[in-house]
Protein backbone atom coordinates (compact mmCIF):
# COMPACT_ATOMS: atom_id res chain seq x y z
CA MET A 1 -19.52 -4.32 -4.67
CA ILE A 2 -19.66 -3.01 -8.22
CA PHE A 3 -17.97 0.33 -8.90
CA ASP A 4 -18.69 2.28 -12.07
CA VAL A 5 -15.32 4.01 -12.41
CA ARG A 6 -16.30 5.92 -15.54
CA LYS A 7 -19.26 7.47 -13.73
CA ILE A 8 -17.07 8.26 -10.71
CA LEU A 9 -14.52 10.06 -12.89
CA GLU A 10 -17.25 12.04 -14.64
CA GLN A 11 -18.66 13.08 -11.28
CA LEU A 12 -15.24 14.27 -10.08
CA GLU A 13 -14.52 16.18 -13.28
CA THR A 14 -17.86 17.98 -13.36
CA GLY A 15 -17.97 18.60 -9.59
CA THR A 16 -20.64 17.51 -7.13
CA PRO A 17 -23.20 19.78 -5.44
CA ALA A 18 -22.08 21.14 -2.10
CA ASP A 19 -25.07 19.73 -0.19
CA THR A 20 -24.77 16.08 -1.18
CA GLY A 21 -22.30 15.06 1.53
CA VAL A 22 -19.98 12.14 0.88
CA PRO A 23 -20.89 10.31 -2.36
CA VAL A 24 -22.33 6.82 -2.06
CA TRP A 25 -19.52 5.28 -4.09
CA GLN A 26 -16.94 6.74 -1.70
CA GLN A 27 -18.73 5.31 1.32
CA GLN A 28 -18.86 1.93 -0.41
CA SER A 29 -15.12 2.12 -1.15
CA TRP A 30 -14.47 2.40 2.60
CA GLU A 31 -16.28 -0.91 3.08
CA ASP A 32 -14.68 -2.73 0.14
CA PRO A 33 -11.22 -1.23 -0.54
CA GLU A 34 -10.02 -4.41 -2.28
CA GLY A 35 -12.83 -4.40 -4.84
CA PHE A 36 -12.45 -0.67 -5.31
CA ALA A 37 -8.72 -0.99 -6.04
CA ALA A 38 -9.37 -3.80 -8.53
CA ALA A 39 -11.93 -1.67 -10.38
CA LEU A 40 -9.57 1.32 -10.48
CA ALA A 41 -6.71 -0.83 -11.80
CA VAL A 42 -8.79 -1.87 -14.80
CA ALA A 43 -9.76 1.72 -15.55
CA HIS A 44 -6.22 2.97 -14.95
CA VAL A 45 -4.68 1.00 -17.79
CA GLY A 46 -7.04 2.36 -20.43
CA ARG A 47 -5.28 2.13 -23.78
CA GLY A 48 -1.80 2.05 -22.28
CA ALA A 49 0.52 -0.84 -21.50
CA PRO A 50 -0.89 -3.34 -18.98
CA LEU A 51 0.07 -3.35 -15.32
CA LYS A 52 2.22 -6.19 -14.08
CA SER A 53 0.98 -5.81 -10.51
CA ARG A 54 -2.19 -7.51 -9.30
CA ALA A 55 -4.14 -5.88 -6.48
CA GLY A 56 -3.88 -7.93 -3.30
CA GLN A 57 -1.39 -10.41 -4.83
CA HIS A 58 1.92 -8.88 -5.91
CA TYR A 59 3.41 -5.55 -6.99
CA ASP A 60 6.18 -4.80 -9.48
CA PHE A 61 6.92 -1.11 -9.02
CA PHE A 62 9.82 -0.99 -11.46
CA HIS A 63 7.63 -2.21 -14.30
CA ASP A 64 4.47 -0.27 -13.46
CA LEU A 65 6.20 3.04 -12.71
CA VAL A 66 8.86 3.09 -15.43
CA VAL A 67 9.01 0.18 -17.89
CA ARG A 68 5.40 0.75 -19.04
CA HIS A 69 6.34 4.27 -20.15
CA GLY A 70 9.95 3.57 -21.17
CA ASN A 71 9.29 3.61 -24.92
CA THR A 72 7.86 7.14 -24.83
CA ASP A 73 9.48 10.57 -24.75
CA ARG A 74 7.22 11.83 -21.97
CA VAL A 75 8.93 13.67 -19.13
CA ALA A 76 9.05 11.97 -15.73
CA LEU A 77 10.68 14.82 -13.79
CA ARG A 78 11.02 18.50 -14.59
CA SER A 79 13.08 20.44 -12.05
CA TYR A 80 14.58 23.91 -11.99
CA ASP A 81 18.15 24.79 -11.08
CA ARG A 82 19.05 28.44 -10.64
CA ARG A 83 22.41 28.02 -12.38
CA SER A 84 21.51 25.74 -15.28
CA GLY A 85 17.78 26.36 -15.71
CA TRP A 86 15.23 23.65 -16.35
CA GLN A 87 16.41 20.03 -16.03
CA VAL A 88 14.40 17.29 -17.74
CA LEU A 89 14.44 13.53 -17.16
CA THR A 90 12.33 11.51 -19.59
CA TYR A 91 10.88 8.08 -18.91
CA ARG A 92 13.21 6.59 -21.51
CA GLN A 93 16.25 8.10 -19.77
CA LEU A 94 14.93 7.07 -16.37
CA HIS A 95 14.48 3.48 -17.50
CA GLU A 96 17.96 3.23 -18.97
CA GLN A 97 19.84 4.94 -16.12
CA ALA A 98 17.90 3.20 -13.35
CA SER A 99 18.53 -0.19 -14.98
CA ARG A 100 22.27 0.47 -15.12
CA ARG A 101 22.34 1.67 -11.52
CA ALA A 102 20.35 -1.33 -10.29
CA THR A 103 22.77 -3.70 -12.03
CA GLU A 104 25.73 -1.92 -10.46
CA TRP A 105 24.16 -1.91 -7.00
CA ALA A 106 23.37 -5.61 -7.26
CA ARG A 107 27.09 -6.27 -7.77
CA GLN A 108 27.78 -4.23 -4.62
CA GLY A 109 25.50 -6.43 -2.52
CA VAL A 110 22.10 -4.72 -2.62
CA LYS A 111 19.48 -7.45 -2.29
CA ALA A 112 15.74 -7.70 -1.82
CA GLY A 113 14.78 -6.47 1.63
CA ALA A 114 17.98 -4.46 2.14
CA LYS A 115 17.51 -1.04 3.73
CA VAL A 116 18.76 1.62 1.30
CA CYS A 117 18.80 5.24 2.46
CA LEU A 118 18.46 7.76 -0.38
CA PHE A 119 20.38 10.82 0.77
CA TYR A 120 19.47 13.33 -1.95
CA SER A 121 17.68 16.56 -2.60
CA VAL A 122 14.76 16.31 -5.03
CA GLY A 123 16.16 15.90 -8.52
CA ASN A 124 17.28 13.43 -11.16
CA GLU A 125 19.64 11.51 -8.86
CA LEU A 126 16.91 10.91 -6.31
CA LEU A 127 14.45 9.59 -8.87
CA ILE A 128 17.01 7.34 -10.60
CA SER A 129 18.17 5.86 -7.30
CA LEU A 130 14.59 5.41 -6.08
CA VAL A 131 13.59 3.43 -9.17
CA ALA A 132 16.82 1.39 -9.06
CA ALA A 133 16.19 0.43 -5.44
CA LEU A 134 12.61 -0.58 -6.22
CA GLY A 135 13.83 -2.72 -9.09
CA LEU A 136 16.05 -4.67 -6.68
CA GLY A 137 13.32 -5.07 -4.08
CA ALA A 138 15.02 -2.87 -1.51
CA CYS A 139 13.32 -1.14 1.40
CA ILE A 140 13.93 2.53 0.66
CA SER A 141 14.25 5.45 3.03
CA PHE A 142 14.53 9.11 2.08
CA LEU A 143 16.54 11.79 3.87
CA PRO A 144 17.18 15.30 2.53
CA PRO A 145 20.76 16.48 3.21
CA GLN A 146 20.19 19.02 5.97
CA GLY A 147 21.94 19.30 9.34
CA ARG A 148 24.48 16.90 10.83
CA ARG A 149 22.50 16.21 14.00
CA PHE A 150 19.26 15.72 12.06
CA ILE A 151 20.95 13.20 9.78
CA ALA A 152 22.92 11.42 12.53
CA ARG A 153 19.86 10.71 14.68
CA ARG A 154 17.85 9.30 11.81
CA LEU A 155 20.65 7.21 10.36
CA ALA A 156 21.24 5.70 13.81
CA ALA A 157 17.54 4.85 14.12
CA LEU A 158 17.37 3.43 10.59
CA ALA A 159 20.65 1.46 10.62
CA PRO A 160 20.70 1.20 6.81
CA ASP A 161 22.50 -1.55 4.94
CA HIS A 162 23.44 0.88 2.17
CA VAL A 163 23.44 4.63 1.59
CA ALA A 164 23.12 6.34 -1.80
CA ALA A 165 24.43 9.91 -1.87
CA GLU A 166 26.43 12.44 -3.86
CA PRO A 167 30.22 12.17 -3.31
CA HIS A 168 30.45 15.67 -1.83
CA GLN A 169 27.93 14.77 0.90
CA VAL A 170 30.05 12.05 2.48
CA LEU A 171 31.03 14.37 5.34
CA LEU A 172 27.41 14.34 6.53
CA LEU A 173 27.42 10.53 6.75
CA GLU A 174 29.79 10.20 9.68
CA GLY A 175 29.95 6.57 10.76
CA PHE A 176 28.26 5.28 7.58
CA GLU A 177 30.95 6.05 5.01
CA LYS A 178 31.60 2.34 4.35
CA LYS A 179 27.96 1.80 3.41
CA LEU A 180 28.08 4.37 0.60
CA LEU A 181 27.15 2.93 -2.80
CA ASN A 182 29.16 3.67 -5.92
CA ASN A 183 27.06 5.31 -8.64
CA GLN A 184 29.81 6.12 -11.14
CA GLY A 185 29.92 2.91 -13.17
CA GLN A 186 28.15 2.26 -16.47
CA ALA A 187 27.26 -1.40 -16.13
CA SER A 188 25.12 -2.94 -18.84
CA PRO A 189 21.57 -3.56 -17.60
CA ALA A 190 21.26 -7.17 -16.46
CA PHE A 191 18.73 -7.78 -13.71
CA THR A 192 15.17 -8.97 -13.15
CA SER A 193 12.82 -6.57 -11.41
CA HIS A 194 11.61 -7.61 -7.99
CA THR A 195 7.98 -8.38 -7.18
CA TYR A 196 6.85 -7.28 -3.72
CA LYS A 197 4.34 -9.18 -1.61
CA PRO A 198 1.40 -7.08 -0.32
CA ALA A 199 2.68 -7.07 3.29
CA GLU A 200 6.33 -6.59 2.30
CA PRO A 201 7.77 -3.20 3.33
CA VAL A 202 8.76 -1.05 0.39
CA GLY A 203 9.96 1.80 2.59
CA LEU A 204 10.92 2.99 6.07
CA LEU A 205 9.97 6.65 6.12
CA PHE A 206 10.68 9.45 8.58
CA SER A 207 7.27 11.02 8.65
CA PRO A 208 6.95 14.38 10.44
CA LEU A 209 3.52 13.16 11.56
CA VAL A 210 4.87 10.23 13.60
CA GLU A 211 5.78 10.58 17.27
CA PRO A 212 8.66 10.79 17.92
CA PRO A 213 9.55 12.26 14.49
CA GLY A 214 12.89 10.42 14.28
CA THR A 215 11.21 7.00 14.25
CA PRO A 216 11.03 5.28 10.84
CA ALA A 217 7.52 4.11 9.92
CA PRO A 218 7.03 1.19 7.50
CA LEU A 219 5.33 1.67 4.15
CA LEU A 220 3.86 -1.59 2.88
CA ALA A 221 3.84 -2.41 -0.81
CA GLU A 222 0.06 -2.71 -0.94
CA ASP A 223 -0.43 0.72 0.65
CA ALA A 224 2.12 2.34 -1.67
CA TRP A 225 0.57 0.91 -4.82
CA ARG A 226 -3.05 1.56 -3.85
CA GLY A 227 -2.25 5.07 -2.66
CA ALA A 228 -0.61 5.94 -5.97
CA LEU A 229 -3.50 4.40 -7.90
CA VAL A 230 -6.24 6.30 -6.04
CA ASP A 231 -4.37 9.61 -5.87
CA GLY A 232 -3.40 9.54 -9.53
CA LEU A 233 -6.90 8.83 -10.81
CA LEU A 234 -9.14 10.51 -8.23
CA THR A 235 -7.33 12.82 -5.80
CA PHE A 236 -5.33 14.76 -8.41
CA GLY A 237 -6.74 13.44 -11.67
CA VAL A 238 -3.40 13.57 -13.47
CA GLY A 239 -2.98 11.87 -16.81
CA PRO A 240 -0.01 10.96 -19.04
CA GLY A 241 2.18 13.99 -19.69
CA GLU A 242 0.37 16.25 -17.18
CA HIS A 243 2.16 18.05 -14.35
CA LEU A 244 1.79 17.69 -10.59
CA ALA A 245 3.59 20.34 -8.52
CA ALA A 246 3.70 21.09 -4.79
CA PRO A 247 6.32 23.80 -4.10
CA GLY A 248 7.12 24.16 -0.42
CA PHE A 249 5.36 20.99 0.70
CA HIS A 250 7.29 19.06 3.36
CA PRO A 251 9.42 16.50 1.45
CA LEU A 252 9.43 13.95 4.27
CA GLN A 253 5.63 14.02 4.40
CA HIS A 254 4.84 14.04 0.68
CA LEU A 255 7.66 11.96 -0.82
CA PRO A 256 7.82 9.35 -2.21
CA ALA A 257 3.99 9.41 -2.40
CA PHE A 258 3.85 12.22 -5.00
CA LEU A 259 6.56 10.53 -7.07
CA PHE A 260 4.72 7.18 -7.05
CA THR A 261 1.50 8.94 -8.07
CA THR A 262 2.98 10.74 -11.07
CA LEU A 263 5.07 7.81 -12.30
CA LEU A 264 2.22 5.31 -12.11
CA ARG A 265 0.09 7.63 -14.26
CA GLY A 266 2.88 8.42 -16.71
CA ALA A 267 2.68 12.04 -15.61
CA THR A 268 5.39 14.60 -14.78
CA TYR A 269 6.48 15.75 -11.34
CA LEU A 270 7.30 19.45 -11.51
CA HIS A 271 9.77 20.47 -8.80
CA LEU A 272 10.38 24.10 -7.89
CA GLU A 273 11.99 25.54 -4.77
CA LEU A 274 10.15 28.37 -3.05
CA PRO A 275 13.15 30.80 -3.17
CA ASP A 276 13.33 30.33 -6.95
CA ILE A 277 9.64 31.15 -7.31
CA GLU A 278 10.08 34.21 -5.11
CA ALA A 279 12.93 35.39 -7.33
CA ASN A 280 11.06 34.60 -10.55
CA PRO A 281 7.31 33.88 -10.12
CA ALA A 282 6.94 33.36 -13.87
CA LEU A 283 8.56 29.93 -13.45
CA LEU A 284 5.26 28.63 -12.13
CA THR A 285 3.43 29.70 -15.28
CA GLU A 286 5.81 28.31 -17.91
CA HIS A 287 4.15 24.87 -17.98
CA PRO A 288 0.49 23.85 -17.65
CA VAL A 289 -0.12 22.35 -14.20
CA ARG A 290 -2.89 19.83 -13.73
CA ALA A 291 -2.66 19.85 -9.90
CA LEU A 292 -0.86 22.51 -7.86
CA GLY A 293 -0.23 22.22 -4.13
CA VAL A 294 -0.30 25.62 -2.43
CA THR A 295 1.19 26.43 0.97
CA PRO A 296 0.59 29.68 2.87
CA ALA A 297 4.16 30.70 2.00
CA LEU A 298 3.58 30.19 -1.74
CA ARG A 299 0.24 31.96 -1.49
CA ASP A 300 1.87 35.00 0.12
CA VAL A 301 4.60 35.11 -2.54
CA LEU A 302 2.05 35.04 -5.35
CA LEU A 303 -0.03 37.69 -3.60
CA ARG A 304 2.94 40.03 -3.30
CA THR A 305 4.00 39.53 -6.91
CA ARG A 306 0.42 39.60 -8.29
CA THR A 307 1.00 36.46 -10.34
CA GLN A 308 -1.83 35.12 -12.50
CA LEU A 309 -2.24 31.32 -12.61
CA LYS A 310 -4.15 30.76 -15.83
CA ASN A 311 -2.22 27.51 -16.40
CA VAL A 312 -3.59 25.70 -13.30
CA ALA A 313 -6.49 23.24 -13.66
CA HIS A 314 -6.83 22.27 -9.98
CA TRP A 315 -5.21 23.48 -6.77
CA PHE A 316 -5.11 21.89 -3.33
CA ARG A 317 -3.94 22.75 0.15
CA ASN A 318 -2.97 20.78 3.25
CA PRO A 319 -5.76 21.15 5.84
CA GLU A 320 -3.12 21.02 8.57
CA GLU A 321 -1.78 24.38 7.49
CA PRO A 322 -3.07 27.59 9.12
CA ILE A 323 -6.07 28.98 7.31
CA ASP A 324 -6.28 32.75 6.99
CA TRP A 325 -9.63 33.24 5.31
CA GLN A 326 -9.00 36.77 4.05
CA SER A 327 -5.62 35.91 2.53
CA TRP A 328 -6.88 32.75 0.84
CA ARG A 329 -9.89 34.51 -0.67
CA ALA A 330 -7.78 37.43 -1.83
CA TRP A 331 -5.27 35.02 -3.40
CA VAL A 332 -7.97 33.05 -5.23
CA LYS A 333 -9.46 36.24 -6.65
CA GLN A 334 -6.15 37.81 -7.62
CA CYS A 335 -4.72 34.69 -9.31
CA GLY A 336 -7.88 34.13 -11.34
CA LEU A 337 -8.78 30.82 -9.66
CA SER A 338 -12.39 31.62 -8.76
CA THR A 339 -13.65 29.11 -11.33
CA VAL A 340 -10.92 26.50 -10.77
CA PRO A 341 -11.65 23.37 -8.68
CA SER A 342 -9.90 23.08 -5.33
CA SER A 343 -9.61 20.50 -2.56
CA ASN A 344 -8.05 19.71 0.80
CA VAL A 345 -5.48 16.90 0.71
CA LEU A 346 -3.69 15.45 3.74
CA VAL A 347 -0.94 12.93 2.95
CA GLU A 348 0.38 10.33 5.37
CA PRO A 349 3.65 8.91 3.95
CA SER A 350 3.46 5.61 5.84
CA ALA A 351 -0.04 5.08 4.37
CA GLY A 352 1.19 5.56 0.81
CA GLY A 353 -0.67 8.74 -0.04
CA ALA A 354 -3.66 10.86 0.85
CA VAL A 355 -5.75 9.78 3.84
CA LEU A 356 -8.10 12.79 4.00
CA VAL A 357 -9.39 14.27 0.73
CA SER A 358 -12.22 16.62 -0.14
CA PRO A 359 -13.80 16.33 -3.60
CA ARG A 360 -12.41 18.47 -6.40
CA ARG A 361 -14.91 21.20 -7.13
CA VAL A 362 -15.28 24.97 -7.48
CA ARG A 363 -16.05 26.41 -4.06
CA ASP A 364 -14.86 28.71 -1.29
CA VAL A 365 -11.97 27.77 1.00
CA HIS A 366 -13.22 25.26 3.56
CA THR A 367 -12.21 22.67 6.16
CA GLU A 368 -13.96 19.63 4.71
CA ALA A 369 -11.70 16.57 4.71
CA PRO A 370 -13.50 13.22 4.50
CA PRO A 371 -11.47 9.99 4.53
CA ALA A 372 -9.92 9.21 1.17
CA PRO A 373 -11.62 6.69 -1.13
CA GLY A 374 -10.48 3.10 -0.73
CA ARG A 375 -9.38 3.50 2.90
CA ARG A 376 -10.79 1.28 5.63
CA TRP A 377 -11.00 3.40 8.76
CA ALA A 378 -12.69 4.05 12.10
CA LEU A 379 -13.35 7.02 14.36
CA HIS A 380 -11.84 6.09 17.73
CA ASP A 381 -12.32 7.58 21.15
CA VAL A 382 -9.98 10.51 21.92
CA ASN A 383 -9.01 8.77 25.17
CA MET A 384 -7.28 6.10 23.05
CA SER A 385 -9.31 3.33 24.66
CA GLY A 386 -9.44 1.45 21.37
CA GLN A 387 -13.20 1.78 21.21
CA GLU A 388 -15.17 3.72 18.64
CA ALA A 389 -16.00 7.32 19.43
CA PRO A 390 -19.41 7.67 21.11
CA GLY A 391 -20.24 10.80 19.13
CA ASP A 392 -19.27 12.64 15.99
CA LEU A 393 -15.80 13.60 17.12
CA GLY A 394 -12.85 11.24 17.40
CA VAL A 395 -9.41 10.22 16.25
CA PHE A 396 -9.26 9.14 12.61
CA THR A 397 -7.65 5.67 12.54
CA LEU A 398 -6.72 3.62 9.49
CA LEU A 399 -7.54 -0.08 9.72
CA PRO A 400 -5.96 -2.48 10.42
CA ASP A 401 -4.01 -0.38 12.91
CA LYS A 402 -1.76 -2.94 14.63
CA GLU A 403 1.33 -2.30 12.49
CA ARG A 404 0.71 1.41 11.94
CA PRO A 405 2.01 4.40 13.90
CA PRO A 406 -0.39 5.76 16.56
CA ALA A 407 -3.31 7.71 15.16
CA TYR A 408 -3.25 11.48 15.60
CA LEU A 409 -5.83 13.19 13.35
CA VAL A 410 -8.97 14.60 14.93
CA LEU A 411 -12.03 14.37 12.69
CA THR A 412 -15.50 15.80 13.23
CA ARG A 413 -18.68 14.71 11.52
CA SER A 414 -21.63 17.06 11.08
CA TYR A 415 -24.70 16.64 8.86
CA GLY A 416 -22.97 13.97 6.79
CA LEU A 417 -19.84 16.09 6.23
CA TYR A 418 -16.39 15.50 7.69
CA HIS A 419 -14.15 18.33 8.86
CA TYR A 420 -10.51 18.32 9.85
CA GLY A 421 -10.40 19.15 13.56
CA GLY A 422 -6.68 19.43 14.27
CA ARG A 423 -3.80 17.21 15.21
CA GLY A 424 -2.94 16.24 18.77
CA ARG A 425 -0.04 14.39 20.32
CA ARG A 426 -0.44 11.04 21.93
CA GLY A 427 0.00 11.03 25.70
CA GLY A 428 -0.46 8.66 28.59
CA LYS A 429 -4.18 9.45 28.86
CA GLY A 430 -4.96 9.73 25.18
CA VAL A 431 -4.53 12.57 22.73
CA SER A 432 -3.02 15.60 24.44
CA THR A 433 -4.47 19.06 24.06
CA ARG A 434 -1.19 20.64 23.00
CA PRO A 435 -1.28 21.53 19.30
CA SER A 436 1.54 20.18 17.17
CA ARG A 437 1.72 23.27 14.98
CA SER A 438 1.74 26.93 15.88
CA PRO A 439 -1.60 28.44 14.86
CA ARG A 440 -2.13 31.56 12.84
CA PRO A 441 -5.28 33.67 12.98
CA PHE A 442 -8.62 32.73 11.51
CA ARG A 443 -9.60 36.28 10.70
CA SER A 444 -13.31 36.55 10.16
CA SER A 445 -15.33 38.89 8.02
CA PRO A 446 -18.79 40.36 8.62
CA SER A 447 -20.27 37.82 6.20
CA CYS A 448 -19.01 34.70 7.98
CA ALA A 449 -21.43 34.66 10.90
CA ALA A 450 -22.25 31.03 11.64
CA PRO A 451 -20.15 29.74 8.72
CA PRO A 452 -21.25 26.34 7.34
CA TRP A 453 -17.85 24.76 8.03
CA CYS A 454 -17.84 25.64 11.74
CA PRO A 455 -18.84 22.81 14.12
CA LEU A 456 -20.30 25.32 16.58
CA PRO A 457 -24.09 25.81 16.79
CA ARG A 458 -25.51 28.43 14.50
CA ALA A 459 -26.71 30.29 17.58
CA VAL A 460 -23.21 31.72 17.84
CA SER A 461 -22.44 34.75 15.70
CA LEU A 462 -18.99 36.10 15.11
CA ALA A 463 -18.19 39.73 15.75
CA THR A 464 -16.29 41.43 12.96
CA THR A 465 -13.26 41.75 15.23
CA ALA A 466 -13.34 38.15 16.42
CA THR A 467 -10.85 35.48 15.50
CA CYS A 468 -11.41 31.76 15.47
CA CYS A 469 -8.21 31.02 17.33
CA SER A 470 -5.70 32.91 19.39
CA SER A 471 -3.38 35.22 17.49
CA SER A 472 -0.36 37.24 18.43
CA ARG A 473 -1.49 39.93 16.00
CA VAL A 474 -4.90 40.47 17.62
CA PRO A 475 -5.40 41.95 21.11
CA ARG A 476 -6.65 39.46 23.66
CA ARG A 477 -9.83 41.44 24.26
CA SER A 478 -10.87 40.95 20.64
CA ARG A 479 -10.31 37.18 20.64
CA ARG A 480 -13.87 36.52 21.70
CA ILE A 481 -17.08 35.19 20.34
CA SER A 482 -20.20 37.08 21.28
CA GLY A 483 -23.89 36.95 20.60
CA CYS A 484 -25.16 33.74 22.21
CA ARG A 485 -28.94 33.72 21.93
CA ARG A 486 -31.24 33.08 24.81
CA SER A 487 -33.72 30.25 24.85
CA ALA A 488 -37.45 30.67 25.07
CA ALA A 489 -37.19 30.22 28.82
CA GLY A 490 -34.86 33.22 29.01
CA SER A 491 -31.81 31.37 30.32
CA SER A 492 -28.48 32.22 28.75
CA SER A 493 -25.52 30.01 28.06
CA SER A 494 -22.34 30.33 30.06
CA TRP A 495 -20.22 29.97 26.95
CA GLY A 496 -21.30 33.20 25.28
CA ARG A 497 -17.87 34.82 25.53
CA SER A 498 -15.32 32.06 25.12
CA THR A 499 -12.45 31.60 22.72
CA CYS A 500 -13.55 29.76 19.60
CA PRO A 501 -12.11 26.22 19.60
CA THR A 502 -12.28 25.58 15.88
CA GLY A 503 -9.38 25.52 13.50
CA PRO A 504 -6.18 23.53 13.00
CA SER A 505 -4.98 24.22 16.52
CA SER A 506 -8.10 22.86 18.19
CA SER A 507 -7.58 20.06 20.66
CA PRO A 508 -9.93 17.10 21.01
CA SER A 509 -10.85 17.94 24.59
CA ILE A 510 -11.79 21.53 23.70
CA LEU A 511 -13.79 20.45 20.66
CA ALA A 512 -15.55 17.78 22.68
CA ARG A 513 -16.41 20.28 25.38
CA TRP A 514 -17.90 22.71 22.86
CA THR A 515 -19.67 20.21 20.63
CA GLY A 516 -21.06 18.54 23.73
CA ARG A 517 -22.90 21.77 24.51
CA TRP A 518 -24.78 21.75 21.24
CA THR A 519 -27.59 19.97 23.05
CA ARG A 520 -27.12 21.72 26.36
CA PRO A 521 -30.47 22.33 28.10
CA GLY A 522 -31.65 25.90 27.76
CA VAL A 523 -29.70 26.66 24.57
CA THR A 524 -31.57 26.54 21.29
CA PRO A 525 -29.36 26.52 18.17
CA SER A 526 -30.75 28.54 15.32
CA THR A 527 -31.05 27.20 11.81
């Protein structure tokens, strides 16, 4: 297939009409991800240095992420430390320090394919060690230093060949002290960057989305490179020198994907801790941000402090997070983001980046989350039979799925639009109905009767006191949906006063039971 990347980028920048559904080019990219990646790679280079990687053949991350930008003074990482202020690591510094570290590690026995655990908080040391490991062809794993038991279980499951950590963190590495790498030397750079094969693992990641969570999931080189390519150009639209920030996003879920995305584009990853923003919200406004990830916690902080975000060009949220409609709308209005494009972005670390992405455009908060461009996928039966879903509700599964962790995302399809339907846990009989995250209320307003995002029939109207999922802050008597219309024959539906199943806590069985009644005899949905 032929992909006009320039036209695609123009469409994303200007925004698409809300009633067009999934663009044709995106549907075609699902069918031909290889051709789509090749077209993006050509457009990605632009006037910059050429890529050394070739889609579907080989991938040199050290060259494409760092060496291409090494002769510039652009910033690769900008992080804030409460004691010393802003810390900056340029691409030139990153290239030099990572080359020295890779040379030193090679002398200590780090070889291609070796499992190297990066035991750092987000900062300069993490990025330098990450790039050094990629230059040697290692299989990287990332663990933030938090909790002895948390670390011990994951190190035992990973069984790393080497561990890179700060000297003062050795006490947390009980049993793996002899595998600690020395980072203190200043060896002269003398190594050749490794080229990964497409099916070669570039990482073993502890994704919070994998069951059980302490099981490392492989990240293949092809997935990592394609994910960074698509997310950099399309999902976030970051360019050289522009900032991507996601304060409060789960590091095990979103790293190293966000780092790969920014480095491949020659952009800057802006790292801020949520407590620092709470103490000084102005930190978030000191630099222009091309793409800002917003969690409910960050939203609440900015609401309390009445912070204006005039420096943000695009903001996104994780559709897995609880969605409080009133709070999100109040935040958008207060921060001056009513005319700023937004999107839903769900990242799967073992897939190399975003797997569900809504188009960037100016609109109200929503639950749309179609599969990301360039992903081959299928909607499988919720009973985990391996067959395709018979209807418009199923488990979103990346293909091929033999080497991937079990699928878990529930996706609904309605009138050509895809909506995130929750996340279940895999059980003996399929996807269990127990939600994996504690829900928060979907507080409705008088104007959201039969909202367009809701997969329920438009015959259902929401009372002003109703909520779209159970809430500890709302009395049980008010957690109801009322107003089911009668058909012409006069028969009424038996589901006129049931708890609404929509939202991030919805289970596949509940959604299937409700959506199956759309065509129930005697019930006529209104339009």
